[in-house]
Amino acid sequence: MANEGEKLEHEAEDLKGKAKEGLGKVSGDEETVGEGQREQGEAKLDKAGDKVSDAADRVKGFVKGSDDKS
């Protein structure tokens, strides 16, 4: 299971990317816009990994729980 610290880190990375993208748009700096978008993409992948990890843990718990009833 993804721990809460990792989840918060991924959310912060996403917000940082959004801020960087916005700053780049306001300043007309396309490189900064791209960096912000890249950071958001990385955060999105990390968040997806968190969800997969959480789902796998729930499945493991369910399977383990059904083994106990046998």
C-alpha atoms as a PDB file:
ATOM      1  CA  MET A   1       0.000   0.000   0.000  1.00  0.00           C
ATOM      2  CA  ALA A   2       1.291   3.432  -0.872  1.00  0.00           C
ATOM      3  CA  ASN A   3       1.921   5.327   2.320  1.00  0.00           C
ATOM      4  CA  GLU A   4       0.334   8.691   2.997  1.00  0.00           C
ATOM      5  CA  GLY A   5       3.685  10.487   2.782  1.00  0.00           C
ATOM      6  CA  GLU A   6       4.223   9.241  -0.764  1.00  0.00           C
ATOM      7  CA  LYS A   7       0.692  10.211  -1.748  1.00  0.00           C
ATOM      8  CA  LEU A   8       1.198  13.729  -0.390  1.00  0.00           C
ATOM      9  CA  GLU A   9       4.537  13.977  -2.180  1.00  0.00           C
ATOM     10  CA  HIS A  10       2.892  13.023  -5.469  1.00  0.00           C
ATOM     11  CA  GLU A  11       0.115  15.563  -4.939  1.00  0.00           C
ATOM     12  CA  ALA A  12       2.675  18.271  -4.170  1.00  0.00           C
ATOM     13  CA  GLU A  13       4.598  17.359  -7.325  1.00  0.00           C
ATOM     14  CA  ASP A  14       1.390  17.764  -9.334  1.00  0.00           C
ATOM     15  CA  LEU A  15       0.654  21.167  -7.795  1.00  0.00           C
ATOM     16  CA  LYS A  16       4.234  22.285  -8.397  1.00  0.00           C
ATOM     17  CA  GLY A  17       3.901  21.290 -12.046  1.00  0.00           C
ATOM     18  CA  LYS A  18       0.638  23.203 -12.397  1.00  0.00           C
ATOM     19  CA  ALA A  19       2.210  26.299 -10.859  1.00  0.00           C
ATOM     20  CA  LYS A  20       5.254  26.023 -13.105  1.00  0.00           C
ATOM     21  CA  GLU A  21       3.076  25.585 -16.184  1.00  0.00           C
ATOM     22  CA  GLY A  22       1.001  28.636 -15.208  1.00  0.00           C
ATOM     23  CA  LEU A  23       4.106  30.739 -14.590  1.00  0.00           C
ATOM     24  CA  GLY A  24       5.474  29.723 -17.961  1.00  0.00           C
ATOM     25  CA  LYS A  25       2.238  30.685 -19.705  1.00  0.00           C
ATOM     26  CA  VAL A  26       2.129  34.086 -17.995  1.00  0.00           C
ATOM     27  CA  SER A  27       5.786  34.804 -18.747  1.00  0.00           C
ATOM     28  CA  GLY A  28       5.673  33.376 -22.268  1.00  0.00           C
ATOM     29  CA  ASP A  29       8.394  30.830 -21.429  1.00  0.00           C
ATOM     30  CA  GLU A  30       7.517  27.680 -23.353  1.00  0.00           C
ATOM     31  CA  GLU A  31      10.334  25.707 -21.713  1.00  0.00           C
ATOM     32  CA  THR A  32       8.850  26.345 -18.269  1.00  0.00           C
ATOM     33  CA  VAL A  33       5.399  25.401 -19.580  1.00  0.00           C
ATOM     34  CA  GLY A  34       6.852  22.103 -20.804  1.00  0.00           C
ATOM     35  CA  GLU A  35       8.642  21.428 -17.535  1.00  0.00           C
ATOM     36  CA  GLY A  36       5.417  22.005 -15.632  1.00  0.00           C
ATOM     37  CA  GLN A  37       3.504  19.668 -17.914  1.00  0.00           C
ATOM     38  CA  ARG A  38       6.218  17.018 -17.561  1.00  0.00           C
ATOM     39  CA  GLU A  39       6.094  17.270 -13.764  1.00  0.00           C
ATOM     40  CA  GLN A  40       2.312  16.900 -13.854  1.00  0.00           C
ATOM     41  CA  GLY A  41       2.657  13.834 -16.071  1.00  0.00           C
ATOM     42  CA  GLU A  42       5.151  12.240 -13.709  1.00  0.00           C
ATOM     43  CA  ALA A  43       2.876  12.959 -10.752  1.00  0.00           C
ATOM     44  CA  LYS A  44      -0.064  11.436 -12.610  1.00  0.00           C
ATOM     45  CA  LEU A  45       1.930   8.235 -13.204  1.00  0.00           C
ATOM     46  CA  ASP A  46       2.978   8.148  -9.544  1.00  0.00           C
ATOM     47  CA  LYS A  47      -0.644   8.588  -8.431  1.00  0.00           C
ATOM     48  CA  ALA A  48      -1.720   5.763 -10.751  1.00  0.00           C
ATOM     49  CA  GLY A  49       0.948   3.565  -9.170  1.00  0.00           C
ATOM     50  CA  ASP A  50      -0.423   4.452  -5.735  1.00  0.00           C
ATOM     51  CA  LYS A  51      -3.903   3.362  -6.817  1.00  0.00           C
ATOM     52  CA  VAL A  52      -2.616   0.079  -8.262  1.00  0.00           C
ATOM     53  CA  SER A  53      -0.699  -0.627  -5.063  1.00  0.00           C
ATOM     54  CA  ASP A  54      -3.742   0.113  -2.916  1.00  0.00           C
ATOM     55  CA  ALA A  55      -5.962  -2.075  -5.102  1.00  0.00           C
ATOM     56  CA  ALA A  56      -3.473  -4.963  -4.956  1.00  0.00           C
ATOM     57  CA  ASP A  57      -3.403  -4.716  -1.168  1.00  0.00           C
ATOM     58  CA  ARG A  58      -7.218  -4.816  -1.031  1.00  0.00           C
ATOM     59  CA  VAL A  59      -7.255  -7.914  -3.244  1.00  0.00           C
ATOM     60  CA  LYS A  60      -4.623  -9.588  -1.073  1.00  0.00           C
ATOM     61  CA  GLY A  61      -6.718  -8.817   2.009  1.00  0.00           C
ATOM     62  CA  PHE A  62      -9.836 -10.193   0.362  1.00  0.00           C
ATOM     63  CA  VAL A  63      -8.104 -13.398  -0.731  1.00  0.00           C
ATOM     64  CA  LYS A  64      -6.526 -13.831   2.669  1.00  0.00           C
ATOM     65  CA  GLY A  65      -9.924 -13.269   4.302  1.00  0.00           C
ATOM     66  CA  SER A  66     -11.570 -15.921   2.125  1.00  0.00           C
ATOM     67  CA  ASP A  67      -8.799 -18.409   2.935  1.00  0.00           C
ATOM     68  CA  ASP A  68      -9.569 -18.011   6.640  1.00  0.00           C
ATOM     69  CA  LYS A  69     -13.203 -19.083   6.069  1.00  0.00           C
ATOM     70  CA  SER A  70     -12.281 -22.367   4.372  1.00  0.00           C
END
